[in-house]
Amino acid sequence: GIDGSYKCLLENSTALRDGKWRDDYGHGCAWYAAAEREGKHVCSYAPAQLACPVACKSRQECFPGHVSPTPTFYAWDSIRRIDSLAPNGKLCLGSHLTPEIARSECEAWVTAKGGAPAAK
């Protein structure tokens, strides 16, 4: 059999791929995989386990332990198309803004940037 420390390999390890090995009868990893699917326990042969880790399922990928997922926050719980009602677009106000406050903040921003405020 295979030593326990040899079973768990990193995902990109070349040892986690079936090779071009052939047994004394000319059988390769594809033959071993097909025979295993048919219920023949040919992968108990140690050289096949070492040479055909995928076909014989003799090695497994190691996982780096449980990693907590990064929390996801959504600005909206749905998507909505907002059509333009005027040539300059449409302003969507948050619940804390009134049209008057939004206009004064917009004018202050435009003035601070050196531009002209929008026409009334």
Protein backbone atom coordinates (compact mmCIF):
# COMPACT_ATOMS: atom_id res chain seq x y z
CA GLY A 1 0.00 0.00 0.00
CA ILE A 2 0.89 3.66 0.11
CA ASP A 3 2.34 5.34 3.16
CA GLY A 4 -0.25 7.67 4.77
CA SER A 5 1.97 10.74 4.42
CA TYR A 6 2.12 10.21 0.66
CA LYS A 7 -1.64 10.23 0.02
CA CYS A 8 -2.38 13.93 0.49
CA LEU A 9 -0.84 16.16 -2.20
CA LEU A 10 -1.14 19.78 -3.23
CA GLU A 11 -3.50 20.49 -6.13
CA ASN A 12 -0.72 21.49 -8.54
CA SER A 13 1.55 18.57 -7.64
CA THR A 14 2.76 16.57 -10.64
CA ALA A 15 2.41 13.46 -8.47
CA LEU A 16 -1.36 14.01 -8.55
CA ARG A 17 -1.50 13.11 -12.25
CA ASP A 18 -1.57 9.74 -13.95
CA GLY A 19 1.70 8.97 -15.70
CA LYS A 20 2.62 6.97 -18.79
CA TRP A 21 3.48 3.94 -16.68
CA ARG A 22 2.69 0.42 -17.90
CA ASP A 23 2.66 -2.78 -15.90
CA ASP A 24 4.40 -5.98 -16.97
CA TYR A 25 1.41 -6.84 -19.19
CA GLY A 26 1.33 -3.47 -20.96
CA HIS A 27 -1.67 -2.11 -19.03
CA GLY A 28 -1.61 1.63 -18.42
CA CYS A 29 -3.55 3.89 -16.11
CA ALA A 30 -6.58 4.04 -18.45
CA TRP A 31 -6.86 0.24 -18.28
CA TYR A 32 -6.69 0.32 -14.48
CA ALA A 33 -9.39 3.01 -14.35
CA ALA A 34 -11.70 0.99 -16.63
CA ALA A 35 -11.11 -2.21 -14.66
CA GLU A 36 -11.89 -0.40 -11.39
CA ARG A 37 -15.16 0.92 -12.88
CA GLU A 38 -16.09 -2.67 -13.76
CA GLY A 39 -15.64 -3.65 -10.12
CA LYS A 40 -12.29 -5.42 -10.50
CA HIS A 41 -10.03 -4.44 -7.64
CA VAL A 42 -6.86 -4.17 -9.72
CA CYS A 43 -5.71 -1.01 -7.96
CA SER A 44 -4.71 -3.02 -4.91
CA TYR A 45 -1.46 -3.54 -6.86
CA ALA A 46 0.95 -1.05 -5.18
CA PRO A 47 2.87 -0.01 -8.34
CA ALA A 48 -0.47 0.91 -9.98
CA GLN A 49 -1.44 2.98 -6.95
CA LEU A 50 1.82 4.91 -7.15
CA ALA A 51 1.83 5.44 -10.93
CA CYS A 52 -1.93 6.02 -11.45
CA PRO A 53 -3.18 8.20 -8.57
CA VAL A 54 -6.22 9.43 -10.49
CA ALA A 55 -7.23 6.10 -12.01
CA CYS A 56 -6.77 4.23 -8.75
CA LYS A 57 -7.93 7.08 -6.50
CA SER A 58 -4.87 6.34 -4.39
CA ARG A 59 -3.93 9.94 -3.67
CA GLN A 60 -6.01 12.92 -2.77
CA GLU A 61 -5.70 16.66 -2.94
CA CYS A 62 -4.88 18.40 0.32
CA PHE A 63 -7.05 21.28 1.44
CA PRO A 64 -5.58 24.06 3.57
CA GLY A 65 -8.25 23.78 6.25
CA HIS A 66 -11.44 25.72 6.68
CA VAL A 67 -11.26 29.32 5.59
CA SER A 68 -14.11 31.59 6.62
CA PRO A 69 -15.69 33.22 3.58
CA THR A 70 -15.38 36.96 3.24
CA PRO A 71 -18.71 38.56 4.12
CA THR A 72 -20.65 39.91 1.16
CA PHE A 73 -22.69 43.07 1.40
CA TYR A 74 -25.18 44.23 -1.20
CA ALA A 75 -26.14 47.85 -1.83
CA TRP A 76 -29.48 46.79 -3.30
CA ASP A 77 -31.47 43.60 -3.04
CA SER A 78 -32.58 43.86 -6.66
CA ILE A 79 -31.59 45.41 -9.96
CA ARG A 80 -33.72 48.03 -11.66
CA ARG A 81 -33.29 49.92 -14.88
CA ILE A 82 -33.52 53.66 -14.37
CA ASP A 83 -34.43 55.43 -17.59
CA SER A 84 -33.38 59.02 -18.20
CA LEU A 85 -36.26 61.50 -18.06
CA ALA A 86 -34.17 64.51 -19.02
CA PRO A 87 -31.19 65.16 -21.32
CA ASN A 88 -28.82 65.41 -18.33
CA GLY A 89 -29.88 62.12 -16.77
CA LYS A 90 -31.78 61.29 -13.62
CA LEU A 91 -30.63 61.66 -10.03
CA CYS A 92 -31.64 58.91 -7.60
CA LEU A 93 -31.90 60.17 -4.06
CA GLY A 94 -31.20 58.15 -0.96
CA SER A 95 -33.81 58.11 1.78
CA HIS A 96 -31.85 60.75 3.75
CA LEU A 97 -31.87 63.37 0.96
CA THR A 98 -34.51 65.76 -0.25
CA PRO A 99 -34.30 67.31 -3.73
CA GLU A 100 -33.35 70.65 -2.13
CA ILE A 101 -30.46 69.18 -0.11
CA ALA A 102 -29.21 67.21 -3.14
CA ARG A 103 -29.25 70.35 -5.29
CA SER A 104 -27.36 72.45 -2.72
CA GLU A 105 -24.73 69.72 -2.23
CA CYS A 106 -24.38 69.36 -5.98
CA GLU A 107 -23.95 73.12 -6.44
CA ALA A 108 -21.36 73.22 -3.63
CA TRP A 109 -19.45 70.36 -5.30
CA VAL A 110 -19.53 72.06 -8.71
CA THR A 111 -18.38 75.37 -7.20
CA ALA A 112 -15.53 73.67 -5.32
CA LYS A 113 -14.36 72.06 -8.60
CA GLY A 114 -14.37 75.43 -10.40
CA GLY A 115 -17.34 74.70 -12.63
CA ALA A 116 -20.59 76.54 -13.04
CA PRO A 117 -23.69 75.36 -11.17
CA ALA A 118 -26.48 73.79 -13.14
CA ALA A 119 -29.16 76.05 -14.55
CA LYS A 120 -32.32 76.34 -12.46
